[in-house]
N, C-alpha and C. Protein backbone atom coordinates (compact mmCIF):
# COMPACT_ATOMS: atom_id res chain seq x y z
N MET A 1 35.77 133.02 -90.41
CA MET A 1 35.11 133.15 -89.14
C MET A 1 35.59 132.11 -88.13
N GLY A 2 36.27 131.04 -88.53
CA GLY A 2 36.58 129.97 -87.59
C GLY A 2 35.46 128.96 -87.61
N TYR A 3 35.58 127.88 -86.87
CA TYR A 3 34.54 126.86 -86.84
C TYR A 3 33.36 127.40 -86.06
N THR A 4 32.26 127.66 -86.75
CA THR A 4 31.15 128.44 -86.21
C THR A 4 29.81 127.76 -86.43
N HIS A 5 28.93 127.96 -85.48
CA HIS A 5 27.52 127.56 -85.61
C HIS A 5 26.69 128.84 -85.54
N CYS A 6 25.64 128.91 -86.34
CA CYS A 6 24.74 130.07 -86.36
C CYS A 6 23.32 129.60 -86.06
N TRP A 7 22.55 130.49 -85.48
CA TRP A 7 21.14 130.20 -85.27
C TRP A 7 20.33 131.47 -85.33
N ARG A 8 19.10 131.28 -85.75
CA ARG A 8 18.15 132.39 -85.86
C ARG A 8 16.88 131.97 -85.14
N TYR A 9 16.42 132.85 -84.27
CA TYR A 9 15.18 132.58 -83.54
C TYR A 9 14.61 133.91 -83.11
N GLN A 10 13.45 133.86 -82.50
CA GLN A 10 12.78 135.09 -82.07
C GLN A 10 12.60 135.04 -80.55
N PRO A 11 13.59 135.58 -79.81
CA PRO A 11 13.49 135.52 -78.35
C PRO A 11 12.33 136.31 -77.77
N ASP A 12 11.69 137.13 -78.58
CA ASP A 12 10.54 137.88 -78.08
C ASP A 12 9.21 137.26 -78.53
N SER A 13 9.27 136.02 -79.08
CA SER A 13 8.04 135.38 -79.56
C SER A 13 7.36 134.57 -78.47
N ARG A 14 6.08 134.33 -78.63
CA ARG A 14 5.32 133.50 -77.70
C ARG A 14 5.80 132.05 -77.73
N ALA A 15 6.12 131.57 -78.92
CA ALA A 15 6.57 130.18 -79.05
C ALA A 15 7.86 129.95 -78.26
N TYR A 16 8.79 130.89 -78.37
CA TYR A 16 10.05 130.76 -77.64
C TYR A 16 9.80 130.84 -76.13
N ALA A 17 8.96 131.77 -75.73
CA ALA A 17 8.64 131.89 -74.29
C ALA A 17 8.01 130.61 -73.76
N ALA A 18 7.13 129.99 -74.55
CA ALA A 18 6.49 128.76 -74.11
C ALA A 18 7.50 127.61 -74.02
N ALA A 19 8.46 127.57 -74.91
CA ALA A 19 9.46 126.50 -74.92
C ALA A 19 10.61 126.75 -73.95
N TRP A 20 10.76 127.98 -73.47
CA TRP A 20 11.91 128.36 -72.65
C TRP A 20 12.15 127.45 -71.44
N PRO A 21 11.16 127.13 -70.63
CA PRO A 21 11.44 126.24 -69.49
C PRO A 21 12.02 124.89 -69.92
N ALA A 22 11.50 124.32 -71.00
CA ALA A 22 12.04 123.05 -71.50
C ALA A 22 13.45 123.23 -72.05
N ILE A 23 13.71 124.35 -72.71
CA ILE A 23 15.06 124.62 -73.23
C ILE A 23 16.06 124.66 -72.09
N VAL A 24 15.72 125.36 -71.02
CA VAL A 24 16.62 125.46 -69.87
C VAL A 24 16.79 124.10 -69.20
N GLN A 25 15.70 123.40 -68.99
CA GLN A 25 15.77 122.08 -68.35
C GLN A 25 16.62 121.12 -69.19
N ASP A 26 16.39 121.09 -70.48
CA ASP A 26 17.12 120.17 -71.34
C ASP A 26 18.59 120.58 -71.47
N SER A 27 18.86 121.87 -71.49
CA SER A 27 20.25 122.34 -71.52
C SER A 27 20.98 121.95 -70.23
N ASN A 28 20.30 122.05 -69.11
CA ASN A 28 20.87 121.59 -67.84
C ASN A 28 21.21 120.11 -67.90
N HIS A 29 20.32 119.33 -68.49
CA HIS A 29 20.54 117.89 -68.62
C HIS A 29 21.76 117.61 -69.51
N ILE A 30 21.86 118.31 -70.62
CA ILE A 30 23.00 118.16 -71.54
C ILE A 30 24.30 118.50 -70.83
N ILE A 31 24.33 119.64 -70.16
CA ILE A 31 25.56 120.09 -69.48
C ILE A 31 25.92 119.14 -68.34
N ALA A 32 24.93 118.68 -67.60
CA ALA A 32 25.20 117.74 -66.50
C ALA A 32 25.86 116.46 -67.02
N GLN A 33 25.37 115.96 -68.13
CA GLN A 33 25.95 114.74 -68.70
C GLN A 33 27.36 114.98 -69.23
N LEU A 34 27.54 116.07 -69.93
CA LEU A 34 28.84 116.31 -70.57
C LEU A 34 29.91 116.78 -69.61
N SER A 35 29.53 117.51 -68.58
CA SER A 35 30.54 118.06 -67.67
C SER A 35 31.25 116.98 -66.87
N LYS A 36 30.76 115.76 -66.94
CA LYS A 36 31.44 114.64 -66.30
C LYS A 36 32.74 114.30 -67.02
N ARG A 37 32.81 114.68 -68.30
CA ARG A 37 34.01 114.34 -69.07
C ARG A 37 34.58 115.47 -69.92
N ILE A 38 33.85 116.57 -70.02
CA ILE A 38 34.30 117.71 -70.82
C ILE A 38 34.29 118.95 -69.94
N PRO A 39 35.37 119.73 -69.96
CA PRO A 39 35.35 120.96 -69.15
C PRO A 39 34.38 121.99 -69.74
N ILE A 40 33.35 122.31 -68.97
CA ILE A 40 32.38 123.33 -69.37
C ILE A 40 32.30 124.33 -68.23
N ALA A 41 32.50 125.59 -68.57
CA ALA A 41 32.57 126.65 -67.57
C ALA A 41 31.56 127.75 -67.90
N GLY A 42 31.62 128.78 -67.12
CA GLY A 42 30.80 129.95 -67.39
C GLY A 42 31.25 130.62 -68.68
N PRO A 43 30.53 131.64 -69.11
CA PRO A 43 30.82 132.27 -70.40
C PRO A 43 32.23 132.87 -70.50
N ASP A 44 32.83 133.23 -69.36
CA ASP A 44 34.18 133.80 -69.38
C ASP A 44 35.25 132.73 -69.16
N THR A 45 34.89 131.47 -69.27
CA THR A 45 35.77 130.29 -69.12
C THR A 45 36.11 129.97 -67.67
N THR A 46 35.47 130.62 -66.73
CA THR A 46 35.66 130.31 -65.32
C THR A 46 34.31 130.05 -64.67
N GLY A 47 34.33 129.49 -63.51
CA GLY A 47 33.08 129.26 -62.78
C GLY A 47 32.20 128.22 -63.43
N VAL A 48 30.92 128.32 -63.15
CA VAL A 48 29.96 127.33 -63.64
C VAL A 48 29.12 127.93 -64.76
N PRO A 49 28.59 127.07 -65.62
CA PRO A 49 27.71 127.55 -66.68
C PRO A 49 26.46 128.23 -66.11
N LEU A 50 25.96 129.20 -66.82
CA LEU A 50 24.71 129.87 -66.47
C LEU A 50 23.59 129.13 -67.19
N LEU A 51 22.68 128.56 -66.43
CA LEU A 51 21.57 127.79 -66.98
C LEU A 51 20.33 128.07 -66.15
N SER A 52 19.68 129.20 -66.42
CA SER A 52 18.61 129.68 -65.56
C SER A 52 17.46 130.24 -66.38
N THR A 53 16.23 129.93 -65.97
CA THR A 53 15.09 130.50 -66.66
C THR A 53 15.05 132.02 -66.49
N ALA A 54 15.57 132.53 -65.38
CA ALA A 54 15.54 133.96 -65.12
C ALA A 54 16.70 134.71 -65.76
N ASP A 55 17.87 134.07 -65.87
CA ASP A 55 19.07 134.78 -66.32
C ASP A 55 19.59 134.34 -67.68
N GLY A 56 19.10 133.25 -68.22
CA GLY A 56 19.51 132.81 -69.54
C GLY A 56 20.47 131.63 -69.50
N ILE A 57 20.98 131.32 -70.66
CA ILE A 57 21.93 130.23 -70.83
C ILE A 57 23.20 130.82 -71.40
N ALA A 58 24.32 130.54 -70.73
CA ALA A 58 25.62 131.02 -71.22
C ALA A 58 26.70 130.09 -70.70
N TYR A 59 27.51 129.57 -71.59
CA TYR A 59 28.62 128.72 -71.17
C TYR A 59 29.72 128.74 -72.21
N ASN A 60 30.83 128.17 -71.85
CA ASN A 60 32.01 128.12 -72.70
C ASN A 60 32.79 126.89 -72.28
N GLY A 61 33.87 126.63 -72.96
CA GLY A 61 34.76 125.56 -72.52
C GLY A 61 35.58 126.05 -71.34
N GLY A 62 36.29 125.14 -70.74
CA GLY A 62 37.14 125.50 -69.61
C GLY A 62 38.43 126.16 -70.08
N PRO A 63 39.25 126.60 -69.15
CA PRO A 63 40.52 127.25 -69.51
C PRO A 63 41.34 126.38 -70.46
N GLY A 64 41.82 126.99 -71.52
CA GLY A 64 42.63 126.30 -72.51
C GLY A 64 41.85 125.48 -73.51
N GLU A 65 40.57 125.31 -73.31
CA GLU A 65 39.71 124.53 -74.20
C GLU A 65 38.41 125.28 -74.48
N HIS A 66 38.55 126.52 -74.89
CA HIS A 66 37.36 127.34 -75.09
C HIS A 66 37.42 128.06 -76.43
N GLY A 67 36.29 128.57 -76.81
CA GLY A 67 36.14 129.45 -77.96
C GLY A 67 35.34 130.64 -77.48
N GLU A 68 34.25 130.91 -78.16
CA GLU A 68 33.37 131.98 -77.71
C GLU A 68 32.25 131.40 -76.85
N ALA A 69 31.69 132.25 -76.05
CA ALA A 69 30.58 131.82 -75.20
C ALA A 69 29.35 131.50 -76.05
N PHE A 70 28.66 130.44 -75.65
CA PHE A 70 27.37 130.10 -76.23
C PHE A 70 26.31 130.78 -75.38
N VAL A 71 25.38 131.49 -76.02
CA VAL A 71 24.38 132.26 -75.28
C VAL A 71 23.00 132.09 -75.90
N LEU A 72 22.01 131.85 -75.05
CA LEU A 72 20.61 131.92 -75.44
C LEU A 72 19.94 132.92 -74.51
N ALA A 73 19.20 133.84 -75.10
CA ALA A 73 18.58 134.92 -74.34
C ALA A 73 17.30 134.49 -73.66
N VAL A 74 17.04 135.09 -72.52
CA VAL A 74 15.76 134.93 -71.82
C VAL A 74 14.68 135.54 -72.71
N PRO A 75 13.52 134.89 -72.82
CA PRO A 75 12.45 135.45 -73.65
C PRO A 75 12.16 136.91 -73.31
N GLY A 76 12.02 137.69 -74.36
CA GLY A 76 11.64 139.08 -74.21
C GLY A 76 12.76 140.04 -73.84
N THR A 77 14.01 139.56 -73.67
CA THR A 77 15.08 140.46 -73.25
C THR A 77 15.82 141.09 -74.42
N THR A 78 15.61 140.56 -75.60
CA THR A 78 16.25 141.12 -76.78
C THR A 78 15.40 140.80 -78.00
N ALA A 79 15.48 141.64 -79.00
CA ALA A 79 14.79 141.37 -80.26
C ALA A 79 15.77 140.79 -81.28
N ARG A 80 17.04 140.75 -80.92
CA ARG A 80 18.06 140.24 -81.85
C ARG A 80 17.73 138.80 -82.21
N GLN A 81 17.75 138.50 -83.50
CA GLN A 81 17.31 137.19 -83.96
C GLN A 81 18.45 136.31 -84.48
N TRP A 82 19.56 136.86 -84.83
CA TRP A 82 20.65 136.07 -85.39
C TRP A 82 21.82 136.03 -84.42
N TRP A 83 22.32 134.84 -84.13
CA TRP A 83 23.40 134.65 -83.18
C TRP A 83 24.41 133.67 -83.73
N PHE A 84 25.56 133.60 -83.13
CA PHE A 84 26.59 132.66 -83.57
C PHE A 84 27.50 132.32 -82.40
N CYS A 85 28.23 131.23 -82.57
CA CYS A 85 29.22 130.82 -81.57
C CYS A 85 30.38 130.17 -82.30
N LYS A 86 31.55 130.75 -82.15
CA LYS A 86 32.77 130.16 -82.71
C LYS A 86 33.38 129.26 -81.64
N THR A 87 33.22 127.96 -81.83
CA THR A 87 33.75 127.03 -80.84
C THR A 87 35.16 126.58 -81.18
N ASP A 88 35.59 126.82 -82.40
CA ASP A 88 36.90 126.37 -82.87
C ASP A 88 37.07 124.87 -82.70
N GLY A 89 35.97 124.14 -82.63
CA GLY A 89 36.03 122.69 -82.49
C GLY A 89 36.51 122.20 -81.13
N GLN A 90 36.52 123.07 -80.14
CA GLN A 90 36.94 122.68 -78.80
C GLN A 90 35.94 121.67 -78.22
N PRO A 91 36.31 120.93 -77.19
CA PRO A 91 35.43 119.89 -76.66
C PRO A 91 34.01 120.36 -76.31
N TYR A 92 33.86 121.59 -75.83
CA TYR A 92 32.52 122.08 -75.47
C TYR A 92 31.61 122.25 -76.69
N ASP A 93 32.16 122.10 -77.89
CA ASP A 93 31.37 122.15 -79.11
C ASP A 93 30.23 121.12 -79.05
N LEU A 94 30.46 120.00 -78.41
CA LEU A 94 29.41 118.99 -78.28
C LEU A 94 28.23 119.53 -77.48
N ALA A 95 28.48 120.29 -76.45
CA ALA A 95 27.39 120.91 -75.68
C ALA A 95 26.63 121.91 -76.55
N VAL A 96 27.36 122.68 -77.32
CA VAL A 96 26.73 123.68 -78.19
C VAL A 96 25.86 123.00 -79.24
N THR A 97 26.41 122.01 -79.94
CA THR A 97 25.64 121.37 -81.00
C THR A 97 24.44 120.60 -80.44
N ALA A 98 24.61 119.94 -79.31
CA ALA A 98 23.48 119.23 -78.71
C ALA A 98 22.39 120.21 -78.26
N THR A 99 22.78 121.34 -77.68
CA THR A 99 21.81 122.34 -77.25
C THR A 99 21.08 122.93 -78.46
N LEU A 100 21.82 123.26 -79.51
CA LEU A 100 21.19 123.80 -80.71
C LEU A 100 20.22 122.79 -81.32
N LEU A 101 20.64 121.55 -81.39
CA LEU A 101 19.78 120.52 -81.95
C LEU A 101 18.52 120.35 -81.11
N ARG A 102 18.66 120.36 -79.80
CA ARG A 102 17.49 120.23 -78.92
C ARG A 102 16.54 121.42 -79.09
N CYS A 103 17.08 122.61 -79.20
CA CYS A 103 16.24 123.80 -79.41
C CYS A 103 15.48 123.68 -80.73
N HIS A 104 16.17 123.22 -81.76
CA HIS A 104 15.50 123.04 -83.05
C HIS A 104 14.38 122.01 -82.95
N LEU A 105 14.62 120.95 -82.21
CA LEU A 105 13.58 119.92 -82.05
C LEU A 105 12.38 120.44 -81.27
N LEU A 106 12.62 121.31 -80.30
CA LEU A 106 11.53 121.89 -79.52
C LEU A 106 10.76 122.96 -80.31
N LEU A 107 11.46 123.65 -81.21
CA LEU A 107 10.86 124.73 -82.01
C LEU A 107 11.25 124.57 -83.48
N PRO A 108 10.80 123.52 -84.16
CA PRO A 108 11.30 123.20 -85.49
C PRO A 108 11.09 124.30 -86.54
N GLU A 109 10.04 125.06 -86.42
CA GLU A 109 9.78 126.11 -87.40
C GLU A 109 10.34 127.46 -86.95
N ALA A 110 10.71 127.58 -85.69
CA ALA A 110 11.07 128.88 -85.14
C ALA A 110 12.50 128.98 -84.63
N PHE A 111 13.26 127.87 -84.67
CA PHE A 111 14.65 127.90 -84.22
C PHE A 111 15.48 127.23 -85.31
N LEU A 112 16.10 128.07 -86.14
CA LEU A 112 16.82 127.59 -87.31
C LEU A 112 18.31 127.58 -87.02
N ILE A 113 18.99 126.54 -87.51
CA ILE A 113 20.43 126.43 -87.27
C ILE A 113 21.18 126.23 -88.58
N ALA A 114 22.42 126.65 -88.56
CA ALA A 114 23.37 126.42 -89.66
C ALA A 114 24.72 126.19 -89.01
N SER A 115 25.60 125.54 -89.75
CA SER A 115 26.88 125.18 -89.15
C SER A 115 27.93 124.99 -90.22
N GLU A 116 29.15 125.27 -89.84
CA GLU A 116 30.27 124.93 -90.71
C GLU A 116 30.63 123.46 -90.57
N GLY A 117 30.06 122.81 -89.57
CA GLY A 117 30.29 121.38 -89.36
C GLY A 117 29.44 120.53 -90.29
N ALA A 118 29.95 119.35 -90.59
CA ALA A 118 29.22 118.40 -91.44
C ALA A 118 28.22 117.61 -90.61
N TRP A 119 26.99 117.53 -91.09
CA TRP A 119 25.93 116.81 -90.39
C TRP A 119 26.30 115.35 -90.17
N THR A 120 26.89 114.72 -91.16
CA THR A 120 27.18 113.29 -91.08
C THR A 120 28.40 112.97 -90.23
N ALA A 121 29.26 113.93 -90.01
CA ALA A 121 30.47 113.66 -89.21
C ALA A 121 30.50 114.50 -87.93
N ASP A 122 30.61 115.82 -88.07
CA ASP A 122 30.80 116.70 -86.92
C ASP A 122 29.61 116.71 -85.96
N TRP A 123 28.40 116.53 -86.48
CA TRP A 123 27.20 116.57 -85.65
C TRP A 123 26.78 115.18 -85.16
N GLN A 124 27.49 114.15 -85.55
CA GLN A 124 27.15 112.79 -85.14
C GLN A 124 27.14 112.63 -83.61
N PRO A 125 28.16 113.14 -82.88
CA PRO A 125 28.12 113.01 -81.41
C PRO A 125 26.91 113.71 -80.78
N ALA A 126 26.53 114.87 -81.29
CA ALA A 126 25.35 115.57 -80.76
C ALA A 126 24.08 114.78 -81.04
N ARG A 127 23.99 114.19 -82.21
CA ARG A 127 22.83 113.39 -82.56
C ARG A 127 22.70 112.18 -81.64
N ARG A 128 23.83 111.53 -81.35
CA ARG A 128 23.80 110.38 -80.44
C ARG A 128 23.41 110.81 -79.03
N LEU A 129 23.96 111.95 -78.58
CA LEU A 129 23.64 112.44 -77.24
C LEU A 129 22.16 112.78 -77.11
N VAL A 130 21.62 113.49 -78.08
CA VAL A 130 20.20 113.84 -78.05
C VAL A 130 19.33 112.58 -78.07
N LYS A 131 19.73 111.59 -78.83
CA LYS A 131 18.96 110.33 -78.84
C LYS A 131 19.02 109.66 -77.47
N ARG A 132 20.21 109.63 -76.86
CA ARG A 132 20.37 108.98 -75.56
C ARG A 132 19.60 109.72 -74.46
N LEU A 133 19.69 111.05 -74.45
CA LEU A 133 19.07 111.82 -73.37
C LEU A 133 17.57 112.03 -73.54
N PHE A 134 17.12 112.19 -74.78
CA PHE A 134 15.73 112.58 -75.01
C PHE A 134 14.93 111.58 -75.84
N GLY A 135 15.59 110.51 -76.30
CA GLY A 135 14.89 109.48 -77.05
C GLY A 135 14.47 109.88 -78.44
N VAL A 136 15.14 110.87 -79.02
CA VAL A 136 14.77 111.38 -80.33
C VAL A 136 15.88 111.07 -81.33
N THR A 137 15.52 110.41 -82.40
CA THR A 137 16.44 110.17 -83.49
C THR A 137 16.18 111.22 -84.57
N VAL A 138 17.19 112.00 -84.89
CA VAL A 138 17.04 113.04 -85.91
C VAL A 138 17.50 112.44 -87.23
N ARG A 139 16.57 112.29 -88.14
CA ARG A 139 16.87 111.62 -89.41
C ARG A 139 17.13 112.58 -90.55
N THR A 140 16.63 113.80 -90.45
CA THR A 140 16.83 114.75 -91.53
C THR A 140 17.76 115.87 -91.07
N VAL A 141 18.51 116.39 -92.01
CA VAL A 141 19.44 117.48 -91.72
C VAL A 141 18.63 118.73 -91.37
N PRO A 142 18.85 119.29 -90.18
CA PRO A 142 18.04 120.44 -89.77
C PRO A 142 18.61 121.79 -90.20
N PHE A 143 19.71 121.80 -90.93
CA PHE A 143 20.35 123.06 -91.28
C PHE A 143 19.49 123.85 -92.26
N SER A 144 19.50 125.16 -92.07
CA SER A 144 18.71 126.05 -92.90
C SER A 144 19.54 127.26 -93.31
N ASP A 145 19.51 127.58 -94.60
CA ASP A 145 20.19 128.79 -95.05
C ASP A 145 19.60 130.03 -94.41
N ALA A 146 18.34 129.95 -93.97
CA ALA A 146 17.71 131.09 -93.31
C ALA A 146 18.38 131.43 -91.98
N ALA A 147 19.18 130.49 -91.43
CA ALA A 147 19.88 130.76 -90.17
C ALA A 147 21.19 131.49 -90.39
N LEU A 148 21.61 131.60 -91.65
CA LEU A 148 22.87 132.28 -91.95
C LEU A 148 22.68 133.79 -91.87
N PRO A 149 23.76 134.50 -91.59
CA PRO A 149 23.65 135.96 -91.44
C PRO A 149 23.40 136.64 -92.77
N ASP A 150 22.70 137.78 -92.71
CA ASP A 150 22.58 138.61 -93.90
C ASP A 150 23.70 139.64 -93.85
N ASP A 151 23.75 140.55 -94.79
CA ASP A 151 24.86 141.51 -94.86
C ASP A 151 24.98 142.34 -93.60
N ASP A 152 23.86 142.79 -93.01
CA ASP A 152 23.92 143.59 -91.79
C ASP A 152 24.50 142.78 -90.64
N ASP A 153 24.14 141.49 -90.57
CA ASP A 153 24.67 140.64 -89.52
C ASP A 153 26.18 140.45 -89.67
N PHE A 154 26.66 140.32 -90.92
CA PHE A 154 28.10 140.18 -91.13
C PHE A 154 28.83 141.44 -90.70
N ARG A 155 28.24 142.60 -90.97
CA ARG A 155 28.86 143.85 -90.53
C ARG A 155 28.92 143.90 -89.00
N ALA A 156 27.83 143.50 -88.35
CA ALA A 156 27.81 143.48 -86.89
C ALA A 156 28.82 142.48 -86.36
N LEU A 157 28.95 141.35 -87.02
CA LEU A 157 29.89 140.31 -86.60
C LEU A 157 31.31 140.84 -86.59
N SER A 158 31.65 141.63 -87.58
CA SER A 158 33.04 142.10 -87.66
C SER A 158 33.33 143.22 -86.66
N THR A 159 32.28 143.89 -86.16
CA THR A 159 32.53 145.01 -85.24
C THR A 159 32.12 144.74 -83.80
N ASP A 160 31.23 143.77 -83.58
CA ASP A 160 30.68 143.59 -82.23
C ASP A 160 30.43 142.11 -81.96
N THR A 161 31.47 141.35 -81.75
CA THR A 161 31.31 139.91 -81.62
C THR A 161 30.90 139.46 -80.23
N HIS A 162 30.84 140.35 -79.27
CA HIS A 162 30.52 139.90 -77.92
C HIS A 162 29.19 140.44 -77.40
N ASP A 163 28.40 141.07 -78.23
CA ASP A 163 27.08 141.55 -77.82
C ASP A 163 26.05 140.46 -78.11
N ARG A 164 26.16 139.37 -77.35
CA ARG A 164 25.24 138.26 -77.55
C ARG A 164 24.64 137.97 -76.24
């Protein structure tokens, strides 16, 4: 699959809808801090990232430093619960991991993450960023096997990688 992060959540749940304004605000804060030194663009690698309570969250790396778009759905716009982003370890991976970590912190029981990255090494920059921006030290590994795809998700992944 490439260097990939997975997450499972319920975009049609009340908990997600209640956390959505904070998710967007905190994602804006993460992107604002990182875009000073990392190229972060819109989902198609051009323009600006989409970070809106009305339209959702979608971004990618800049030209030549991108993978797949990172996307979080607006509450109630989809029932799809399993998502993924192949960043291929490009610089914008830090934005993706920090955003995923922040979402998990806001919804610890309802936003599950998994990653091909190592918590002690690959996620260290995201952990430092989240601590600096939000004052939260994450001491336990938040990865969950429940965030990994099931067989139907793997079939969808091989046939429809851009319906996120």
